[in-house]
Amino acid sequence: MENMVTDSRDDPQTEFIYCCGAVTEVLKYGSCQLQSGHKLLFLIIPGNPGLVGFYTTFMQTLHSLFGYRHPVWAVSHAGHCAHPDSMDMVEDSSLAAENDVFGFDGQIEHKLSFLRKYVPRETNLVLVGHSIGCYIILEMMKRDPELKILKAVMLFPTIEHMAQTPQGKVMTPVLCQMRYLTYLPLFLLSLLPDILKSGLIKLVLGGIRSLDLAVVKPTLALLSGDCAANAMYMGGQEMRKVLERDNVTIKTNLKKLIFYYGASDHWCPLQYYHDIKQDFPHGDIRLCENGFRHAFVLDAGREVAKIMVEWIHGDLRT
């Protein structure tokens, strides 16, 4: 398990599709199309911003450590990508507006629609959520109890009282009251040449030791303008809607769930870990002992993937 092997199977495929009428990026390791014979799919549900490129190292590590046997996909949030020039942000603007596809509830339905359209119903799923992606997974389980979910791994989960967290108290006014004030500087940033934007990104992230340079490209895409605006729009709704923890759904699916909390996570205080541990003493609820940050993809994607493989490899034996 510990030996990393690099070969052509480590090369991902990127596809841009319309899902729920909005442009969506899908990053795929392994099989690019699933037939009825595929028994298992790993599907990453990202945090916010939901650009799949942030998870490249994490996904490649999962794919290789499982011996390239299982496809590993990540689906972006609707509109959280720098789409090709040949595609518009929305395929049908009236449909996208009616369903509020860029909004929080619309993003949940977007993931369910993706599964219905692109994944055979009989395929077993290992869902991997990060941050708000964990809340989305719980909602998917609640709205479609017939999904064949083998395991759902919740990494640094933001599933309750987001606006009351240390980071939430800072970001709620920005996302809910001052969001439009950020659009002009974002637009001006988007006009800069890519080489200059890349330099700025590396400068801003330069304080992160062992920075994974694979995250520079998706960060560059985030500065495209529309992508950042969609992420902020979704984020504002998260602050208003992520309130009480959904204990009913957690209890119903407890044996399928693995929670991994950060020891110093400003989006999810340590007290939230203690509370859920107390409410579900028989659940698989873990506390990070490695000092990983909430945005683990910046410098610890490979390490988190290795840990996750150890948790679940026994469940995947046939």
Protein backbone atom coordinates (compact mmCIF):
# COMPACT_ATOMS: atom_id res chain seq x y z
CA MET A 1 0.00 0.00 0.00
CA GLU A 2 2.79 2.43 0.79
CA ASN A 3 4.60 2.21 -2.54
CA MET A 4 3.50 4.83 -5.02
CA VAL A 5 3.60 3.64 -8.60
CA THR A 6 3.46 6.11 -11.46
CA ASP A 7 2.46 4.95 -14.91
CA SER A 8 0.02 5.89 -17.67
CA ARG A 9 -2.90 4.89 -15.46
CA ASP A 10 -2.09 7.93 -13.33
CA ASP A 11 -3.12 10.23 -16.18
CA PRO A 12 -6.57 11.73 -15.53
CA GLN A 13 -9.24 12.59 -18.07
CA THR A 14 -11.16 15.84 -17.83
CA GLU A 15 -14.64 16.25 -19.27
CA PHE A 16 -16.92 19.26 -19.40
CA ILE A 17 -20.62 18.49 -19.46
CA TYR A 18 -23.92 20.22 -18.87
CA CYS A 19 -25.66 18.93 -15.77
CA CYS A 20 -28.92 20.55 -14.63
CA GLY A 21 -28.27 23.04 -17.42
CA ALA A 22 -24.97 24.31 -15.95
CA VAL A 23 -21.41 23.68 -17.06
CA THR A 24 -19.72 21.06 -14.90
CA GLU A 25 -16.17 19.69 -14.86
CA VAL A 26 -15.62 15.99 -14.18
CA LEU A 27 -12.13 14.71 -13.36
CA LYS A 28 -11.70 10.98 -13.90
CA TYR A 29 -9.03 8.46 -12.99
CA GLY A 30 -9.65 5.02 -14.46
CA SER A 31 -12.73 4.21 -16.51
CA CYS A 32 -14.18 7.25 -18.22
CA GLN A 33 -17.56 5.63 -18.83
CA LEU A 34 -19.28 3.19 -16.52
CA GLN A 35 -21.14 0.17 -17.80
CA SER A 36 -23.47 -2.03 -15.81
CA GLY A 37 -20.53 -4.35 -15.02
CA HIS A 38 -18.71 -1.73 -12.96
CA LYS A 39 -19.08 -2.74 -9.32
CA LEU A 40 -17.59 0.27 -7.57
CA LEU A 41 -16.98 3.98 -8.10
CA PHE A 42 -15.21 6.45 -5.84
CA LEU A 43 -16.89 9.83 -6.23
CA ILE A 44 -15.43 12.99 -4.70
CA ILE A 45 -17.89 15.72 -3.67
CA PRO A 46 -15.72 18.83 -3.19
CA GLY A 47 -15.85 21.65 -0.73
CA ASN A 48 -16.40 25.24 -1.75
CA PRO A 49 -14.93 26.42 -4.07
CA GLY A 50 -15.76 23.18 -5.79
CA LEU A 51 -13.07 22.93 -8.45
CA VAL A 52 -12.06 19.32 -9.04
CA GLY A 53 -8.46 20.21 -9.89
CA PHE A 54 -7.76 20.80 -6.20
CA TYR A 55 -8.19 17.04 -5.63
CA THR A 56 -5.78 15.81 -8.31
CA THR A 57 -3.08 14.48 -5.97
CA PHE A 58 -5.64 13.05 -3.54
CA MET A 59 -7.45 11.20 -6.35
CA GLN A 60 -4.30 9.92 -8.04
CA THR A 61 -3.13 8.50 -4.73
CA LEU A 62 -6.45 6.74 -4.09
CA HIS A 63 -6.48 5.32 -7.59
CA SER A 64 -2.95 3.93 -7.39
CA LEU A 65 -3.17 2.57 -3.84
CA PHE A 66 -6.21 0.52 -4.78
CA GLY A 67 -4.19 -0.98 -7.64
CA TYR A 68 -6.05 0.97 -10.34
CA ARG A 69 -9.00 -1.40 -9.86
CA HIS A 70 -11.64 1.22 -9.11
CA PRO A 71 -12.43 4.40 -11.03
CA VAL A 72 -12.06 7.58 -9.01
CA TRP A 73 -14.10 10.55 -10.19
CA ALA A 74 -14.71 14.06 -8.90
CA VAL A 75 -17.64 16.21 -10.02
CA SER A 76 -17.35 19.96 -9.69
CA HIS A 77 -20.09 22.12 -8.33
CA ALA A 78 -22.22 23.64 -11.06
CA GLY A 79 -20.38 26.62 -12.50
CA HIS A 80 -17.25 26.08 -10.40
CA CYS A 81 -14.84 25.68 -13.29
CA ALA A 82 -13.17 27.60 -16.08
CA HIS A 83 -15.19 26.19 -18.95
CA PRO A 84 -13.97 25.86 -22.56
CA ASP A 85 -14.61 28.74 -24.93
CA SER A 86 -16.93 26.45 -26.88
CA MET A 87 -19.33 26.22 -23.93
CA ASP A 88 -21.42 28.81 -22.12
CA MET A 89 -21.78 28.87 -18.35
CA VAL A 90 -25.39 27.72 -18.71
CA GLU A 91 -27.01 25.68 -21.45
CA ASP A 92 -30.52 26.91 -20.64
CA SER A 93 -30.57 30.13 -18.63
CA SER A 94 -34.27 29.93 -17.77
CA LEU A 95 -33.90 26.37 -16.47
CA ALA A 96 -30.79 27.26 -14.46
CA ALA A 97 -32.54 30.25 -12.92
CA GLU A 98 -35.72 28.31 -12.15
CA ASN A 99 -33.79 25.56 -10.34
CA ASP A 100 -31.26 28.00 -8.80
CA VAL A 101 -28.58 25.56 -9.93
CA PHE A 102 -25.75 27.71 -8.53
CA GLY A 103 -27.46 27.93 -5.15
CA PHE A 104 -26.90 25.50 -2.31
CA ASP A 105 -30.01 23.38 -2.80
CA GLY A 106 -29.45 23.43 -6.56
CA GLN A 107 -25.94 22.06 -6.06
CA ILE A 108 -27.33 19.10 -4.07
CA GLU A 109 -29.82 18.27 -6.81
CA HIS A 110 -27.00 18.72 -9.32
CA LYS A 111 -25.05 15.82 -7.73
CA LEU A 112 -28.10 13.55 -7.66
CA SER A 113 -28.79 14.38 -11.30
CA PHE A 114 -25.19 13.57 -12.20
CA LEU A 115 -25.49 10.13 -10.59
CA ARG A 116 -28.78 9.40 -12.32
CA LYS A 117 -27.38 10.31 -15.72
CA TYR A 118 -23.81 8.99 -15.62
CA VAL A 119 -23.61 6.19 -13.05
CA PRO A 120 -25.48 2.88 -13.41
CA ARG A 121 -27.96 2.45 -10.60
CA GLU A 122 -26.44 -0.87 -9.51
CA THR A 123 -22.91 0.56 -9.09
CA ASN A 124 -21.70 0.62 -5.50
CA LEU A 125 -20.48 4.03 -4.39
CA VAL A 126 -17.77 5.22 -2.06
CA LEU A 127 -18.62 8.88 -1.61
CA VAL A 128 -15.86 11.14 -0.34
CA GLY A 129 -16.96 14.52 0.90
CA HIS A 130 -14.77 17.44 1.86
CA SER A 131 -16.07 20.31 3.98
CA ILE A 132 -19.50 21.33 2.62
CA GLY A 133 -19.34 18.26 0.38
CA CYS A 134 -20.09 16.24 3.54
CA TYR A 135 -23.35 18.11 4.08
CA ILE A 136 -24.22 17.50 0.44
CA ILE A 137 -23.61 13.76 0.87
CA LEU A 138 -25.92 13.60 3.90
CA GLU A 139 -28.59 15.36 1.85
CA MET A 140 -28.07 12.92 -1.03
CA MET A 141 -28.56 10.02 1.37
CA LYS A 142 -31.69 11.64 2.74
CA ARG A 143 -33.24 12.48 -0.64
CA ASP A 144 -32.39 9.19 -2.34
CA PRO A 145 -32.18 6.39 0.24
CA GLU A 146 -31.88 3.78 -2.55
CA LEU A 147 -28.40 4.94 -3.59
CA LYS A 148 -26.00 2.01 -3.28
CA ILE A 149 -23.56 3.72 -0.94
CA LEU A 150 -20.99 1.33 0.46
CA LYS A 151 -19.13 4.00 2.45
CA ALA A 152 -19.26 7.76 2.82
CA VAL A 153 -16.06 9.37 4.07
CA MET A 154 -16.53 12.82 5.57
CA LEU A 155 -13.29 14.81 5.57
CA PHE A 156 -13.26 17.93 7.76
CA PRO A 157 -17.07 18.04 7.69
CA THR A 158 -19.02 21.30 7.84
CA ILE A 159 -22.43 19.85 8.66
CA GLU A 160 -23.71 22.17 11.40
CA HIS A 161 -23.85 25.82 12.47
CA MET A 162 -21.37 27.10 9.91
CA ALA A 163 -22.07 30.78 10.57
CA GLN A 164 -21.24 30.31 14.26
CA THR A 165 -17.75 28.91 13.65
CA PRO A 166 -14.69 31.19 13.93
CA GLN A 167 -14.28 31.29 10.15
CA GLY A 168 -18.02 31.56 9.62
CA LYS A 169 -18.23 34.67 11.79
CA VAL A 170 -15.63 36.32 9.56
CA MET A 171 -17.02 35.14 6.22
CA THR A 172 -20.77 35.48 6.81
CA PRO A 173 -20.81 39.29 6.45
CA VAL A 174 -18.56 39.05 3.39
CA LEU A 175 -20.65 36.37 1.69
CA CYS A 176 -24.09 37.57 2.74
CA GLN A 177 -23.89 41.38 2.89
CA MET A 178 -20.78 42.44 0.98
CA ARG A 179 -20.57 39.84 -1.76
CA TYR A 180 -21.16 42.29 -4.59
CA LEU A 181 -18.35 44.55 -3.39
CA THR A 182 -15.86 41.79 -4.18
CA TYR A 183 -16.94 41.40 -7.80
CA LEU A 184 -15.02 44.40 -9.14
CA PRO A 185 -11.60 43.37 -7.72
CA LEU A 186 -12.27 39.80 -8.89
CA PHE A 187 -13.08 41.09 -12.37
CA LEU A 188 -9.90 43.18 -12.44
CA LEU A 189 -7.85 40.17 -11.31
CA SER A 190 -9.37 38.09 -14.09
CA LEU A 191 -7.97 40.55 -16.65
CA LEU A 192 -4.36 39.92 -15.63
CA PRO A 193 -2.24 37.58 -17.79
CA ASP A 194 -2.18 34.00 -16.51
CA ILE A 195 1.56 34.10 -15.86
CA LEU A 196 1.11 37.10 -13.57
CA LYS A 197 -1.87 35.52 -11.79
CA SER A 198 0.13 32.32 -11.28
CA GLY A 199 2.93 34.34 -9.72
CA LEU A 200 0.50 36.07 -7.37
CA ILE A 201 -1.01 32.74 -6.35
CA LYS A 202 2.38 31.25 -5.57
CA LEU A 203 3.25 34.38 -3.60
CA VAL A 204 0.05 34.22 -1.53
CA LEU A 205 0.41 30.48 -0.91
CA GLY A 206 4.17 30.69 -0.46
CA GLY A 207 3.93 30.42 3.29
CA ILE A 208 2.59 26.87 3.04
CA ARG A 209 5.43 24.43 3.45
CA SER A 210 5.21 21.48 1.04
CA LEU A 211 2.64 23.30 -1.10
CA ASP A 212 1.23 20.98 -3.76
CA LEU A 213 1.85 22.89 -6.98
CA ALA A 214 -1.05 21.02 -8.59
CA VAL A 215 -3.40 23.44 -6.81
CA VAL A 216 -2.06 26.46 -8.71
CA LYS A 217 -4.01 25.62 -11.88
CA PRO A 218 -7.45 25.33 -10.23
CA THR A 219 -6.74 28.47 -8.20
CA LEU A 220 -6.02 30.21 -11.49
CA ALA A 221 -9.39 28.95 -12.80
CA LEU A 222 -11.06 30.32 -9.68
CA LEU A 223 -9.90 33.79 -10.67
CA SER A 224 -11.74 33.59 -13.97
CA GLY A 225 -14.55 35.72 -12.53
CA ASP A 226 -17.77 33.74 -12.94
CA CYS A 227 -16.32 30.78 -11.06
CA ALA A 228 -15.52 32.85 -7.97
CA ALA A 229 -18.89 34.62 -8.12
CA ASN A 230 -20.71 31.28 -8.20
CA ALA A 231 -18.64 29.98 -5.28
CA MET A 232 -19.45 33.07 -3.21
CA TYR A 233 -23.15 32.87 -4.07
CA MET A 234 -23.25 29.26 -2.90
CA GLY A 235 -21.21 30.15 0.20
CA GLY A 236 -23.65 32.83 1.26
CA GLN A 237 -26.48 30.31 1.21
CA GLU A 238 -24.39 27.82 3.18
CA MET A 239 -24.05 30.32 6.03
CA ARG A 240 -27.84 30.68 6.18
CA LYS A 241 -28.84 27.04 5.65
CA VAL A 242 -26.27 24.87 7.43
CA LEU A 243 -27.79 24.98 10.90
CA GLU A 244 -28.71 21.92 12.98
CA ARG A 245 -26.82 18.69 12.41
CA ASP A 246 -29.01 16.10 10.62
CA ASN A 247 -28.93 13.44 13.32
CA VAL A 248 -31.75 11.45 11.73
CA THR A 249 -29.84 10.86 8.48
CA ILE A 250 -26.62 10.18 10.38
CA LYS A 251 -28.34 7.61 12.61
CA THR A 252 -29.98 5.92 9.62
CA ASN A 253 -26.65 5.58 7.79
CA LEU A 254 -24.24 5.40 10.73
CA LYS A 255 -22.57 2.13 9.68
CA LYS A 256 -21.72 3.62 6.28
CA LEU A 257 -20.21 6.84 7.61
CA ILE A 258 -16.65 7.74 8.58
CA PHE A 259 -16.07 11.22 9.99
CA TYR A 260 -12.63 12.82 10.15
CA TYR A 261 -12.45 16.04 12.14
CA GLY A 262 -9.57 18.50 12.31
CA ALA A 263 -8.02 19.24 15.70
CA SER A 264 -7.77 22.97 14.91
CA ASP A 265 -10.35 23.55 12.18
CA HIS A 266 -11.75 27.09 12.10
CA TRP A 267 -14.70 25.89 10.01
CA CYS A 268 -15.50 23.10 12.45
CA PRO A 269 -14.48 23.70 16.08
CA LEU A 270 -13.20 20.85 18.20
CA GLN A 271 -16.40 21.02 20.26
CA TYR A 272 -18.36 19.82 17.22
CA TYR A 273 -16.23 16.66 17.22
CA HIS A 274 -16.87 16.07 20.92
CA ASP A 275 -20.61 16.69 20.48
CA ILE A 276 -21.08 14.23 17.62
CA LYS A 277 -18.87 11.67 19.37
CA GLN A 278 -21.10 11.93 22.41
CA ASP A 279 -24.31 11.69 20.38
CA PHE A 280 -23.05 8.72 18.32
CA PRO A 281 -20.63 6.78 20.58
CA HIS A 282 -20.68 3.76 18.25
CA GLY A 283 -19.98 5.77 15.11
CA ASP A 284 -16.66 5.77 13.25
CA ILE A 285 -15.74 9.32 14.22
CA ARG A 286 -12.04 10.21 14.17
CA LEU A 287 -9.93 13.18 15.18
CA CYS A 288 -6.93 14.16 13.05
CA GLU A 289 -3.65 13.59 14.88
CA ASN A 290 -1.44 14.81 12.06
CA GLY A 291 -2.08 18.54 12.11
CA PHE A 292 -3.74 18.59 8.67
CA ARG A 293 -5.47 21.86 7.76
CA HIS A 294 -9.11 22.12 6.71
CA ALA A 295 -7.96 22.74 3.12
CA PHE A 296 -5.85 19.58 3.21
CA VAL A 297 -5.54 19.51 -0.57
CA LEU A 298 -3.05 22.38 -0.40
CA ASP A 299 -0.29 20.27 1.09
CA ALA A 300 -1.55 16.90 2.35
CA GLY A 301 -3.69 15.33 -0.37
CA ARG A 302 -1.42 12.30 -0.65
CA GLU A 303 -1.22 11.79 3.12
CA VAL A 304 -4.98 12.01 3.66
CA ALA A 305 -5.58 9.56 0.81
CA LYS A 306 -3.17 7.05 2.36
CA ILE A 307 -4.97 7.26 5.69
CA MET A 308 -8.36 6.88 4.06
CA VAL A 309 -7.24 3.75 2.19
CA GLU A 310 -6.29 2.16 5.50
CA TRP A 311 -9.75 2.91 6.87
CA ILE A 312 -11.77 1.36 4.09
CA HIS A 313 -9.67 -1.20 2.20
CA GLY A 314 -11.17 -4.03 4.24
CA ASP A 315 -14.70 -3.01 3.26
CA LEU A 316 -13.83 -3.29 -0.43
CA ARG A 317 -12.68 -6.90 -0.37
CA THR A 318 -14.87 -9.19 -2.37
